[in-house]
Amino acid sequence: MAEVSETQQREPGSGQAWGNYGVGLLVFVAGVALMLLAFYWGYLMLKTVDEQIQRVQVTKPVATPATTAAPKAAAGKETKPAEVAVAKPTTEGPTLIVVAVGAVLKLVILLVLAAIGGMTASRGAQLAQIRVH
């Protein structure tokens, strides 16, 4: 393969300059597409995290009989304290910690993907710019 000098690469009419420009544009478009994909996935992630937060395990309130006054003890008889029932958490949805850890991991992955897309778009723009000089 014949080597092309730097002045030939930068000449507007040379084949190498048009090749650089074409490849640079393709790389730039791929980088922008990666960033848009990261933003779209981030939007979907926020929707799913919101849905997951709505399903977080909660305890249901328990109705207990109202005890306004302690019953009077009869002569020589002791009264037992009222028993209170405690509700157990439902097992329908995830815990808040699971949702938070998942959201943070997804966010880190999306930030890395957006950074890679930005660097790719930058390199594509630099490659396409070689033709312009």
Protein backbone atom coordinates (compact mmCIF):
# COMPACT_ATOMS: atom_id res chain seq x y z
CA MET A 1 0.00 0.00 0.00
CA ALA A 2 1.42 3.35 -1.00
CA GLU A 3 1.92 5.88 1.73
CA VAL A 4 0.28 9.26 1.31
CA SER A 5 2.11 12.35 2.47
CA GLU A 6 0.54 14.71 4.99
CA THR A 7 0.08 17.44 2.40
CA GLN A 8 -1.79 15.02 0.13
CA GLN A 9 -4.00 13.95 3.01
CA ARG A 10 -5.00 17.53 3.65
CA GLU A 11 -5.63 18.49 0.05
CA PRO A 12 -9.37 18.94 -0.42
CA GLY A 13 -9.45 16.92 -3.63
CA SER A 14 -7.41 13.91 -2.59
CA GLY A 15 -9.00 10.51 -2.05
CA GLN A 16 -7.37 10.15 1.37
CA ALA A 17 -8.91 13.43 2.56
CA TRP A 18 -12.38 12.31 1.47
CA GLY A 19 -11.81 8.96 3.13
CA ASN A 20 -10.85 10.66 6.38
CA TYR A 21 -13.90 12.89 6.13
CA GLY A 22 -16.27 9.98 5.45
CA VAL A 23 -14.89 7.77 8.21
CA GLY A 24 -14.81 10.74 10.58
CA LEU A 25 -18.48 11.47 9.93
CA LEU A 26 -19.42 7.83 10.47
CA VAL A 27 -17.51 7.70 13.77
CA PHE A 28 -19.06 11.03 14.84
CA VAL A 29 -22.59 9.78 14.06
CA ALA A 30 -21.88 6.52 15.93
CA GLY A 31 -20.72 8.51 18.99
CA VAL A 32 -23.81 10.72 18.92
CA ALA A 33 -26.00 7.62 18.55
CA LEU A 34 -24.33 6.07 21.63
CA MET A 35 -25.01 9.21 23.65
CA LEU A 36 -28.65 9.34 22.52
CA LEU A 37 -29.02 5.66 23.37
CA ALA A 38 -27.59 6.32 26.84
CA PHE A 39 -30.07 9.18 27.39
CA TYR A 40 -32.98 7.02 26.22
CA TRP A 41 -31.94 4.15 28.48
CA GLY A 42 -31.60 6.64 31.34
CA TYR A 43 -35.18 7.79 30.73
CA LEU A 44 -36.42 4.19 30.74
CA MET A 45 -34.40 3.49 33.89
CA LEU A 46 -36.03 6.40 35.71
CA LYS A 47 -39.46 5.11 34.74
CA THR A 48 -38.70 1.60 35.99
CA VAL A 49 -37.12 2.86 39.22
CA ASP A 50 -40.24 4.91 39.86
CA GLU A 51 -42.40 1.81 39.31
CA GLN A 52 -40.15 -0.22 41.61
CA ILE A 53 -40.33 2.40 44.35
CA GLN A 54 -44.12 2.21 44.16
CA ARG A 55 -43.86 -1.56 44.82
CA VAL A 56 -41.39 -1.35 47.73
CA GLN A 57 -42.28 -3.59 50.64
CA VAL A 58 -44.35 -1.80 53.22
CA THR A 59 -46.05 -2.85 56.40
CA LYS A 60 -49.79 -2.72 56.40
CA PRO A 61 -51.42 -0.89 59.32
CA VAL A 62 -53.05 -3.07 61.93
CA ALA A 63 -56.24 -2.00 63.64
CA THR A 64 -56.01 -2.52 67.37
CA PRO A 65 -58.80 -2.02 69.85
CA ALA A 66 -58.68 1.38 71.44
CA THR A 67 -57.67 1.35 75.06
CA THR A 68 -58.67 4.66 76.53
CA ALA A 69 -58.44 3.67 80.14
CA ALA A 70 -57.09 0.64 81.90
CA PRO A 71 -59.82 -1.50 83.35
CA LYS A 72 -60.11 -1.26 87.06
CA ALA A 73 -58.67 -4.17 88.84
CA ALA A 74 -60.98 -6.11 91.00
CA ALA A 75 -59.90 -6.62 94.54
CA GLY A 76 -56.86 -8.84 94.49
CA LYS A 77 -56.93 -9.49 90.70
CA GLU A 78 -54.19 -8.35 88.35
CA THR A 79 -54.92 -7.13 84.84
CA LYS A 80 -52.92 -8.23 81.80
CA PRO A 81 -51.57 -5.62 79.44
CA ALA A 82 -53.28 -5.47 76.03
CA GLU A 83 -51.58 -7.47 73.30
CA VAL A 84 -50.66 -5.63 70.12
CA ALA A 85 -50.34 -7.44 66.80
CA VAL A 86 -47.41 -6.43 64.60
CA ALA A 87 -47.73 -6.66 60.84
CA LYS A 88 -45.04 -8.40 58.83
CA PRO A 89 -43.77 -6.77 55.63
CA THR A 90 -45.46 -7.92 52.45
CA THR A 91 -43.33 -9.89 50.03
CA GLU A 92 -44.84 -8.34 46.91
CA GLY A 93 -42.05 -6.00 45.87
CA PRO A 94 -38.34 -5.34 46.29
CA THR A 95 -36.82 -3.64 49.28
CA LEU A 96 -35.74 -0.02 49.07
CA ILE A 97 -32.07 -1.00 49.31
CA VAL A 98 -32.37 -3.34 46.32
CA VAL A 99 -34.01 -0.59 44.26
CA ALA A 100 -31.38 1.99 45.27
CA VAL A 101 -28.39 -0.27 44.55
CA GLY A 102 -29.86 -1.25 41.19
CA ALA A 103 -30.49 2.39 40.27
CA VAL A 104 -26.94 3.44 41.21
CA LEU A 105 -25.38 0.59 39.20
CA LYS A 106 -27.52 1.40 36.16
CA LEU A 107 -26.64 5.08 36.48
CA VAL A 108 -22.90 4.34 36.56
CA ILE A 109 -23.20 2.11 33.49
CA LEU A 110 -25.15 4.81 31.64
CA LEU A 111 -22.59 7.48 32.56
CA VAL A 112 -19.78 5.28 31.23
CA LEU A 113 -21.74 4.66 28.02
CA ALA A 114 -22.40 8.40 27.57
CA ALA A 115 -18.70 9.19 28.18
CA ILE A 116 -17.64 6.60 25.60
CA GLY A 117 -20.15 8.07 23.14
CA GLY A 118 -18.81 11.57 23.75
CA MET A 119 -15.20 10.49 23.24
CA THR A 120 -16.15 8.60 20.08
CA ALA A 121 -17.99 11.62 18.68
CA SER A 122 -15.01 13.84 19.51
CA ARG A 123 -12.56 11.53 17.73
CA GLY A 124 -14.86 11.33 14.71
CA ALA A 125 -15.05 15.12 14.52
CA GLN A 126 -11.25 15.34 14.74
CA LEU A 127 -10.85 12.78 11.98
CA ALA A 128 -13.33 14.58 9.74
CA GLN A 129 -11.58 17.87 10.41
CA ILE A 130 -8.34 16.67 8.81
CA ARG A 131 -9.93 17.24 5.40
CA VAL A 132 -10.81 20.86 6.17
CA HIS A 133 -7.29 22.12 6.97
